[in-house]
Amino acid sequence: MSANLEQHNDRLCVLRVSGELKKSELDAVQSEFVQKIAGAGAVKLLVFLENFTGWERGEQWGDTD
């Protein structure tokens, strides 16, 4: 998986993205993040792009909500 979400404490999440990101991976990480921050109030998100090569071709990237 090229997207991994880690929770370091109540107020900090770290997203690590590497290689080629698939739309399905982004959708999964977004859902996981929403669950982690539900009711937590303000949370910081630190994003690391490690050897990031771009996005998977052919996917519907227009709607990332």
N, C-alpha and C. Protein backbone atom coordinates (compact mmCIF):
# COMPACT_ATOMS: atom_id res chain seq x y z
N MET A 1 0.85 -1.18 0.00
CA MET A 1 0.00 0.00 0.00
C MET A 1 0.89 1.23 0.00
N SER A 2 0.54 2.18 -0.82
CA SER A 2 1.38 3.37 -0.91
C SER A 2 0.88 4.51 -0.04
N ALA A 3 -0.18 4.31 0.73
CA ALA A 3 -0.67 5.33 1.65
C ALA A 3 -0.94 4.69 3.00
N ASN A 4 -0.31 5.23 4.05
CA ASN A 4 -0.44 4.66 5.38
C ASN A 4 -0.66 5.79 6.38
N LEU A 5 -1.70 5.67 7.19
CA LEU A 5 -2.03 6.68 8.19
C LEU A 5 -1.68 6.14 9.57
N GLU A 6 -0.91 6.94 10.32
CA GLU A 6 -0.51 6.56 11.68
C GLU A 6 -0.99 7.64 12.64
N GLN A 7 -1.51 7.22 13.79
CA GLN A 7 -1.89 8.18 14.82
C GLN A 7 -0.82 8.17 15.89
N HIS A 8 -0.18 9.33 16.11
CA HIS A 8 0.92 9.41 17.07
C HIS A 8 0.46 9.82 18.45
N ASN A 9 -0.57 10.61 18.53
CA ASN A 9 -1.20 10.95 19.81
C ASN A 9 -2.59 11.49 19.49
N ASP A 10 -3.28 12.05 20.49
CA ASP A 10 -4.65 12.51 20.26
C ASP A 10 -4.74 13.64 19.25
N ARG A 11 -3.66 14.35 19.02
CA ARG A 11 -3.71 15.55 18.18
C ARG A 11 -2.82 15.50 16.94
N LEU A 12 -2.16 14.37 16.67
CA LEU A 12 -1.26 14.29 15.52
C LEU A 12 -1.43 12.98 14.77
N CYS A 13 -1.69 13.10 13.48
CA CYS A 13 -1.70 11.95 12.58
C CYS A 13 -0.63 12.17 11.52
N VAL A 14 0.00 11.09 11.09
CA VAL A 14 1.03 11.15 10.06
C VAL A 14 0.58 10.29 8.88
N LEU A 15 0.58 10.90 7.71
CA LEU A 15 0.25 10.19 6.48
C LEU A 15 1.52 10.02 5.67
N ARG A 16 1.85 8.78 5.36
CA ARG A 16 3.03 8.49 4.54
C ARG A 16 2.55 7.96 3.18
N VAL A 17 2.98 8.64 2.13
CA VAL A 17 2.61 8.26 0.78
C VAL A 17 3.88 7.95 0.01
N SER A 18 3.92 6.78 -0.63
CA SER A 18 5.09 6.41 -1.42
C SER A 18 4.65 5.72 -2.70
N GLY A 19 5.53 5.77 -3.67
CA GLY A 19 5.23 5.12 -4.94
C GLY A 19 4.07 5.79 -5.66
N GLU A 20 3.29 4.99 -6.34
CA GLU A 20 2.14 5.49 -7.11
C GLU A 20 0.87 5.36 -6.27
N LEU A 21 0.19 6.47 -6.08
CA LEU A 21 -1.02 6.49 -5.26
C LEU A 21 -2.24 6.13 -6.09
N LYS A 22 -3.01 5.16 -5.60
CA LYS A 22 -4.25 4.76 -6.26
C LYS A 22 -5.41 5.49 -5.61
N LYS A 23 -6.44 5.75 -6.39
CA LYS A 23 -7.64 6.44 -5.88
C LYS A 23 -8.26 5.64 -4.74
N SER A 24 -8.29 4.33 -4.85
CA SER A 24 -8.86 3.48 -3.80
C SER A 24 -8.08 3.61 -2.50
N GLU A 25 -6.76 3.79 -2.58
CA GLU A 25 -5.94 3.98 -1.38
C GLU A 25 -6.24 5.32 -0.73
N LEU A 26 -6.37 6.36 -1.55
CA LEU A 26 -6.72 7.67 -1.01
C LEU A 26 -8.08 7.63 -0.33
N ASP A 27 -9.05 6.99 -0.96
CA ASP A 27 -10.39 6.88 -0.37
C ASP A 27 -10.34 6.16 0.98
N ALA A 28 -9.56 5.08 1.06
CA ALA A 28 -9.44 4.31 2.30
C ALA A 28 -8.80 5.14 3.41
N VAL A 29 -7.73 5.88 3.07
CA VAL A 29 -7.05 6.71 4.06
C VAL A 29 -7.95 7.85 4.53
N GLN A 30 -8.71 8.44 3.61
CA GLN A 30 -9.63 9.51 4.00
C GLN A 30 -10.67 8.99 4.99
N SER A 31 -11.24 7.83 4.72
CA SER A 31 -12.23 7.24 5.63
C SER A 31 -11.62 6.94 7.00
N GLU A 32 -10.42 6.39 7.00
CA GLU A 32 -9.72 6.09 8.25
C GLU A 32 -9.45 7.36 9.05
N PHE A 33 -9.03 8.43 8.36
CA PHE A 33 -8.74 9.70 9.01
C PHE A 33 -10.00 10.29 9.64
N VAL A 34 -11.11 10.24 8.94
CA VAL A 34 -12.37 10.76 9.47
C VAL A 34 -12.75 10.01 10.75
N GLN A 35 -12.57 8.70 10.76
CA GLN A 35 -12.88 7.91 11.96
C GLN A 35 -11.96 8.28 13.12
N LYS A 36 -10.69 8.49 12.84
CA LYS A 36 -9.73 8.81 13.90
C LYS A 36 -9.99 10.18 14.52
N ILE A 37 -10.45 11.13 13.73
CA ILE A 37 -10.62 12.49 14.25
C ILE A 37 -12.04 12.78 14.74
N ALA A 38 -12.95 11.85 14.55
CA ALA A 38 -14.33 12.08 14.99
C ALA A 38 -14.36 12.39 16.48
N GLY A 39 -14.85 13.55 16.81
CA GLY A 39 -14.95 13.95 18.20
C GLY A 39 -13.65 14.40 18.84
N ALA A 40 -12.56 14.39 18.10
CA ALA A 40 -11.27 14.75 18.68
C ALA A 40 -11.00 16.25 18.63
N GLY A 41 -11.80 16.99 17.87
CA GLY A 41 -11.54 18.41 17.72
C GLY A 41 -10.43 18.64 16.71
N ALA A 42 -9.61 19.65 16.95
CA ALA A 42 -8.53 19.99 16.02
C ALA A 42 -7.43 18.94 16.06
N VAL A 43 -7.04 18.46 14.89
CA VAL A 43 -5.98 17.47 14.76
C VAL A 43 -5.01 17.94 13.69
N LYS A 44 -3.72 17.79 13.93
CA LYS A 44 -2.71 18.14 12.93
C LYS A 44 -2.43 16.92 12.07
N LEU A 45 -2.19 17.17 10.79
CA LEU A 45 -1.85 16.10 9.86
C LEU A 45 -0.51 16.43 9.22
N LEU A 46 0.47 15.55 9.41
CA LEU A 46 1.79 15.69 8.81
C LEU A 46 1.87 14.68 7.67
N VAL A 47 2.21 15.15 6.47
CA VAL A 47 2.25 14.28 5.29
C VAL A 47 3.69 14.15 4.81
N PHE A 48 4.15 12.91 4.67
CA PHE A 48 5.46 12.61 4.10
C PHE A 48 5.26 11.97 2.73
N LEU A 49 5.90 12.53 1.72
CA LEU A 49 5.92 11.93 0.39
C LEU A 49 7.29 11.30 0.21
N GLU A 50 7.33 9.98 0.24
CA GLU A 50 8.59 9.24 0.17
C GLU A 50 8.65 8.48 -1.15
N ASN A 51 9.52 8.90 -2.05
CA ASN A 51 9.62 8.26 -3.37
C ASN A 51 8.28 8.27 -4.10
N PHE A 52 7.54 9.34 -3.92
CA PHE A 52 6.23 9.50 -4.54
C PHE A 52 6.41 9.68 -6.04
N THR A 53 5.73 8.84 -6.83
CA THR A 53 5.88 8.90 -8.29
C THR A 53 4.65 9.46 -8.99
N GLY A 54 3.58 9.71 -8.25
CA GLY A 54 2.39 10.29 -8.86
C GLY A 54 1.15 9.47 -8.59
N TRP A 55 0.13 9.73 -9.40
CA TRP A 55 -1.17 9.12 -9.22
C TRP A 55 -1.41 8.07 -10.30
N GLU A 56 -2.16 7.05 -9.94
CA GLU A 56 -2.54 6.01 -10.89
C GLU A 56 -3.33 6.62 -12.05
N ARG A 57 -2.99 6.25 -13.24
CA ARG A 57 -3.70 6.76 -14.42
C ARG A 57 -5.07 6.10 -14.55
N GLY A 58 -5.98 6.85 -15.19
CA GLY A 58 -7.28 6.28 -15.53
C GLY A 58 -8.33 6.36 -14.45
N GLU A 59 -7.97 6.76 -13.28
CA GLU A 59 -8.96 6.86 -12.20
C GLU A 59 -9.67 8.20 -12.26
N GLN A 60 -10.80 8.29 -11.60
CA GLN A 60 -11.59 9.51 -11.54
C GLN A 60 -11.10 10.39 -10.40
N TRP A 61 -10.06 11.16 -10.65
CA TRP A 61 -9.47 12.00 -9.63
C TRP A 61 -10.19 13.33 -9.47
N GLY A 62 -11.18 13.61 -10.31
CA GLY A 62 -11.88 14.89 -10.25
C GLY A 62 -12.64 15.10 -8.96
N ASP A 63 -13.14 14.02 -8.33
CA ASP A 63 -13.91 14.13 -7.10
C ASP A 63 -13.15 13.45 -5.98
N THR A 64 -12.46 14.23 -5.16
CA THR A 64 -11.69 13.66 -4.06
C THR A 64 -12.33 13.96 -2.71
N ASP A 65 -13.63 14.28 -2.70
CA ASP A 65 -14.34 14.55 -1.44
C ASP A 65 -14.50 13.28 -0.64
